[in-house]
Amino acid sequence: MRHLEKGRVVIFGAGTGNPYFTTDTAGSLRAIEIKADVILKGTRVNGIYTADPEKDPTATKYETISFADCIQKNLKVMDMTAFTLCMENNLPIVVFDMNTEGNLLKVVTGEKVGTLVS
């Protein structure tokens, strides 16, 4: 596992400043540049599901899933440019509910929260 020199968690908040690129793409680019161990994707649901759990109560959650399976199943994890950047650079993604109190702390301390894409 790689670590920043002082063992800190780094949070980037910005876009690329280029049209047609989302903040997901900016985050993926920065994470790859600093050789991050993982990218954290905070969202409204606690992971990746077989369908949108806000619309489909029968949707089931994936604990882990591969990049290839996400593409094959057409799961909307993040914009495809950001997603393929992560895939091509072997950068895992943790998708978790950012609105649940304590989840961010759990994720950065290594507890299993949400879904791991790798």
C-alpha atoms as a PDB file:
ATOM      1  CA  MET A   1       0.000   0.000   0.000  1.00  0.00           C
ATOM      2  CA  ARG A   2       1.340   3.429  -0.918  1.00  0.00           C
ATOM      3  CA  HIS A   3       1.129   6.331   1.516  1.00  0.00           C
ATOM      4  CA  LEU A   4       1.628  10.029   1.274  1.00  0.00           C
ATOM      5  CA  GLU A   5       4.778  11.198   2.984  1.00  0.00           C
ATOM      6  CA  LYS A   6       3.006  12.289   6.175  1.00  0.00           C
ATOM      7  CA  GLY A   7       0.250   9.644   6.106  1.00  0.00           C
ATOM      8  CA  ARG A   8      -2.562  12.121   5.549  1.00  0.00           C
ATOM      9  CA  VAL A   9      -5.888  11.734   3.796  1.00  0.00           C
ATOM     10  CA  VAL A  10      -6.134  14.210   0.905  1.00  0.00           C
ATOM     11  CA  ILE A  11      -9.467  15.580  -0.262  1.00  0.00           C
ATOM     12  CA  PHE A  12      -9.568  17.348  -3.629  1.00  0.00           C
ATOM     13  CA  GLY A  13     -12.469  19.659  -4.393  1.00  0.00           C
ATOM     14  CA  ALA A  14     -12.488  21.131  -7.897  1.00  0.00           C
ATOM     15  CA  GLY A  15     -13.184  20.520 -11.543  1.00  0.00           C
ATOM     16  CA  THR A  16     -10.752  20.420 -14.453  1.00  0.00           C
ATOM     17  CA  GLY A  17     -11.683  23.851 -15.766  1.00  0.00           C
ATOM     18  CA  ASN A  18     -12.450  22.241 -19.131  1.00  0.00           C
ATOM     19  CA  PRO A  19     -15.879  21.918 -20.706  1.00  0.00           C
ATOM     20  CA  TYR A  20     -17.324  18.391 -21.092  1.00  0.00           C
ATOM     21  CA  PHE A  21     -15.368  17.012 -18.114  1.00  0.00           C
ATOM     22  CA  THR A  22     -17.099  16.344 -14.803  1.00  0.00           C
ATOM     23  CA  THR A  23     -15.822  16.624 -11.250  1.00  0.00           C
ATOM     24  CA  ASP A  24     -15.593  12.795 -11.294  1.00  0.00           C
ATOM     25  CA  THR A  25     -13.039  13.099 -14.094  1.00  0.00           C
ATOM     26  CA  ALA A  26     -11.114  15.763 -12.170  1.00  0.00           C
ATOM     27  CA  GLY A  27     -11.063  13.557  -9.084  1.00  0.00           C
ATOM     28  CA  SER A  28      -9.887  10.543 -11.074  1.00  0.00           C
ATOM     29  CA  LEU A  29      -7.132  12.548 -12.749  1.00  0.00           C
ATOM     30  CA  ARG A  30      -5.837  13.944  -9.433  1.00  0.00           C
ATOM     31  CA  ALA A  31      -6.010  10.518  -7.748  1.00  0.00           C
ATOM     32  CA  ILE A  32      -3.973   8.959 -10.559  1.00  0.00           C
ATOM     33  CA  GLU A  33      -1.449  11.825 -10.455  1.00  0.00           C
ATOM     34  CA  ILE A  34      -0.748  11.359  -6.754  1.00  0.00           C
ATOM     35  CA  LYS A  35      -0.795   7.552  -7.035  1.00  0.00           C
ATOM     36  CA  ALA A  36      -3.714   7.261  -4.615  1.00  0.00           C
ATOM     37  CA  ASP A  37      -4.636   3.854  -3.202  1.00  0.00           C
ATOM     38  CA  VAL A  38      -8.342   4.371  -3.905  1.00  0.00           C
ATOM     39  CA  ILE A  39     -10.882   6.959  -5.028  1.00  0.00           C
ATOM     40  CA  LEU A  40     -13.887   7.544  -2.784  1.00  0.00           C
ATOM     41  CA  LYS A  41     -17.171   8.266  -4.572  1.00  0.00           C
ATOM     42  CA  GLY A  42     -19.641   9.721  -2.097  1.00  0.00           C
ATOM     43  CA  THR A  43     -23.229   9.548  -3.317  1.00  0.00           C
ATOM     44  CA  ARG A  44     -26.849   9.274  -2.080  1.00  0.00           C
ATOM     45  CA  VAL A  45     -26.938   5.463  -1.909  1.00  0.00           C
ATOM     46  CA  ASN A  46     -24.705   3.035  -0.031  1.00  0.00           C
ATOM     47  CA  GLY A  47     -22.968   1.430  -2.977  1.00  0.00           C
ATOM     48  CA  ILE A  48     -23.680   0.013  -6.399  1.00  0.00           C
ATOM     49  CA  TYR A  49     -26.906  -1.887  -6.976  1.00  0.00           C
ATOM     50  CA  THR A  50     -28.433  -4.030  -9.716  1.00  0.00           C
ATOM     51  CA  ALA A  51     -30.787  -1.093 -10.401  1.00  0.00           C
ATOM     52  CA  ASP A  52     -31.390   2.370  -8.940  1.00  0.00           C
ATOM     53  CA  PRO A  53     -32.447   1.585  -5.342  1.00  0.00           C
ATOM     54  CA  GLU A  54     -34.258   4.908  -5.092  1.00  0.00           C
ATOM     55  CA  LYS A  55     -36.570   3.763  -7.907  1.00  0.00           C
ATOM     56  CA  ASP A  56     -36.492  -0.041  -7.619  1.00  0.00           C
ATOM     57  CA  PRO A  57     -37.075  -1.539  -4.146  1.00  0.00           C
ATOM     58  CA  THR A  58     -35.977  -4.973  -5.425  1.00  0.00           C
ATOM     59  CA  ALA A  59     -32.480  -3.718  -6.328  1.00  0.00           C
ATOM     60  CA  THR A  60     -29.707  -5.653  -4.619  1.00  0.00           C
ATOM     61  CA  LYS A  61     -26.340  -4.280  -3.589  1.00  0.00           C
ATOM     62  CA  TYR A  62     -22.975  -5.476  -4.816  1.00  0.00           C
ATOM     63  CA  GLU A  63     -20.364  -5.701  -2.040  1.00  0.00           C
ATOM     64  CA  THR A  64     -17.622  -5.868  -4.681  1.00  0.00           C
ATOM     65  CA  ILE A  65     -17.722  -5.735  -8.468  1.00  0.00           C
ATOM     66  CA  SER A  66     -15.176  -5.585 -11.274  1.00  0.00           C
ATOM     67  CA  PHE A  67     -14.779  -2.694 -13.684  1.00  0.00           C
ATOM     68  CA  ALA A  68     -15.659  -5.062 -16.545  1.00  0.00           C
ATOM     69  CA  ASP A  69     -18.879  -6.208 -14.841  1.00  0.00           C
ATOM     70  CA  CYS A  70     -19.962  -2.598 -14.269  1.00  0.00           C
ATOM     71  CA  ILE A  71     -19.494  -1.871 -17.970  1.00  0.00           C
ATOM     72  CA  GLN A  72     -21.132  -5.115 -19.108  1.00  0.00           C
ATOM     73  CA  LYS A  73     -24.149  -4.561 -16.808  1.00  0.00           C
ATOM     74  CA  ASN A  74     -24.299  -0.864 -17.821  1.00  0.00           C
ATOM     75  CA  LEU A  75     -24.159   0.269 -14.189  1.00  0.00           C
ATOM     76  CA  LYS A  76     -23.869   4.029 -13.745  1.00  0.00           C
ATOM     77  CA  VAL A  77     -21.032   4.396 -11.237  1.00  0.00           C
ATOM     78  CA  MET A  78     -19.634   7.709 -12.487  1.00  0.00           C
ATOM     79  CA  ASP A  79     -19.096   9.313 -15.856  1.00  0.00           C
ATOM     80  CA  MET A  80     -17.477   6.894 -18.302  1.00  0.00           C
ATOM     81  CA  THR A  81     -14.353   9.016 -18.839  1.00  0.00           C
ATOM     82  CA  ALA A  82     -13.609   9.021 -15.104  1.00  0.00           C
ATOM     83  CA  PHE A  83     -14.522   5.350 -14.775  1.00  0.00           C
ATOM     84  CA  THR A  84     -12.261   4.185 -17.599  1.00  0.00           C
ATOM     85  CA  LEU A  85      -9.398   6.328 -16.286  1.00  0.00           C
ATOM     86  CA  CYS A  86      -9.671   4.466 -12.989  1.00  0.00           C
ATOM     87  CA  MET A  87      -9.958   1.111 -14.743  1.00  0.00           C
ATOM     88  CA  GLU A  88      -6.956   1.713 -17.023  1.00  0.00           C
ATOM     89  CA  ASN A  89      -4.832   2.823 -14.070  1.00  0.00           C
ATOM     90  CA  ASN A  90      -5.942   0.044 -11.681  1.00  0.00           C
ATOM     91  CA  LEU A  91      -7.375   2.607  -9.279  1.00  0.00           C
ATOM     92  CA  PRO A  92     -10.113   1.022  -7.137  1.00  0.00           C
ATOM     93  CA  ILE A  93     -13.290   2.985  -6.428  1.00  0.00           C
ATOM     94  CA  VAL A  94     -15.331   2.824  -3.220  1.00  0.00           C
ATOM     95  CA  VAL A  95     -18.915   3.998  -3.736  1.00  0.00           C
ATOM     96  CA  PHE A  96     -20.638   4.882  -0.455  1.00  0.00           C
ATOM     97  CA  ASP A  97     -23.494   6.925   1.018  1.00  0.00           C
ATOM     98  CA  MET A  98     -22.038  10.299   1.956  1.00  0.00           C
ATOM     99  CA  ASN A  99     -25.229  11.312   3.781  1.00  0.00           C
ATOM    100  CA  THR A 100     -24.975   8.628   6.460  1.00  0.00           C
ATOM    101  CA  GLU A 101     -23.230  10.074   9.493  1.00  0.00           C
ATOM    102  CA  GLY A 102     -19.907   8.383  10.171  1.00  0.00           C
ATOM    103  CA  ASN A 103     -19.535   6.746   6.739  1.00  0.00           C
ATOM    104  CA  LEU A 104     -16.637   8.928   5.591  1.00  0.00           C
ATOM    105  CA  LEU A 105     -14.702   8.173   8.771  1.00  0.00           C
ATOM    106  CA  LYS A 106     -15.438   4.466   8.353  1.00  0.00           C
ATOM    107  CA  VAL A 107     -14.204   4.490   4.751  1.00  0.00           C
ATOM    108  CA  VAL A 108     -10.946   6.337   5.472  1.00  0.00           C
ATOM    109  CA  THR A 109     -10.190   4.092   8.462  1.00  0.00           C
ATOM    110  CA  GLY A 110     -10.610   0.979   6.325  1.00  0.00           C
ATOM    111  CA  GLU A 111     -14.016  -0.259   7.440  1.00  0.00           C
ATOM    112  CA  LYS A 112     -16.126  -1.961   4.788  1.00  0.00           C
ATOM    113  CA  VAL A 113     -18.718   0.537   3.587  1.00  0.00           C
ATOM    114  CA  GLY A 114     -20.512   0.683   0.252  1.00  0.00           C
ATOM    115  CA  THR A 115     -19.226  -1.163  -2.811  1.00  0.00           C
ATOM    116  CA  LEU A 116     -15.634  -1.712  -3.943  1.00  0.00           C
ATOM    117  CA  VAL A 117     -14.981  -1.592  -7.698  1.00  0.00           C
ATOM    118  CA  SER A 118     -11.656  -3.122  -8.680  1.00  0.00           C
END
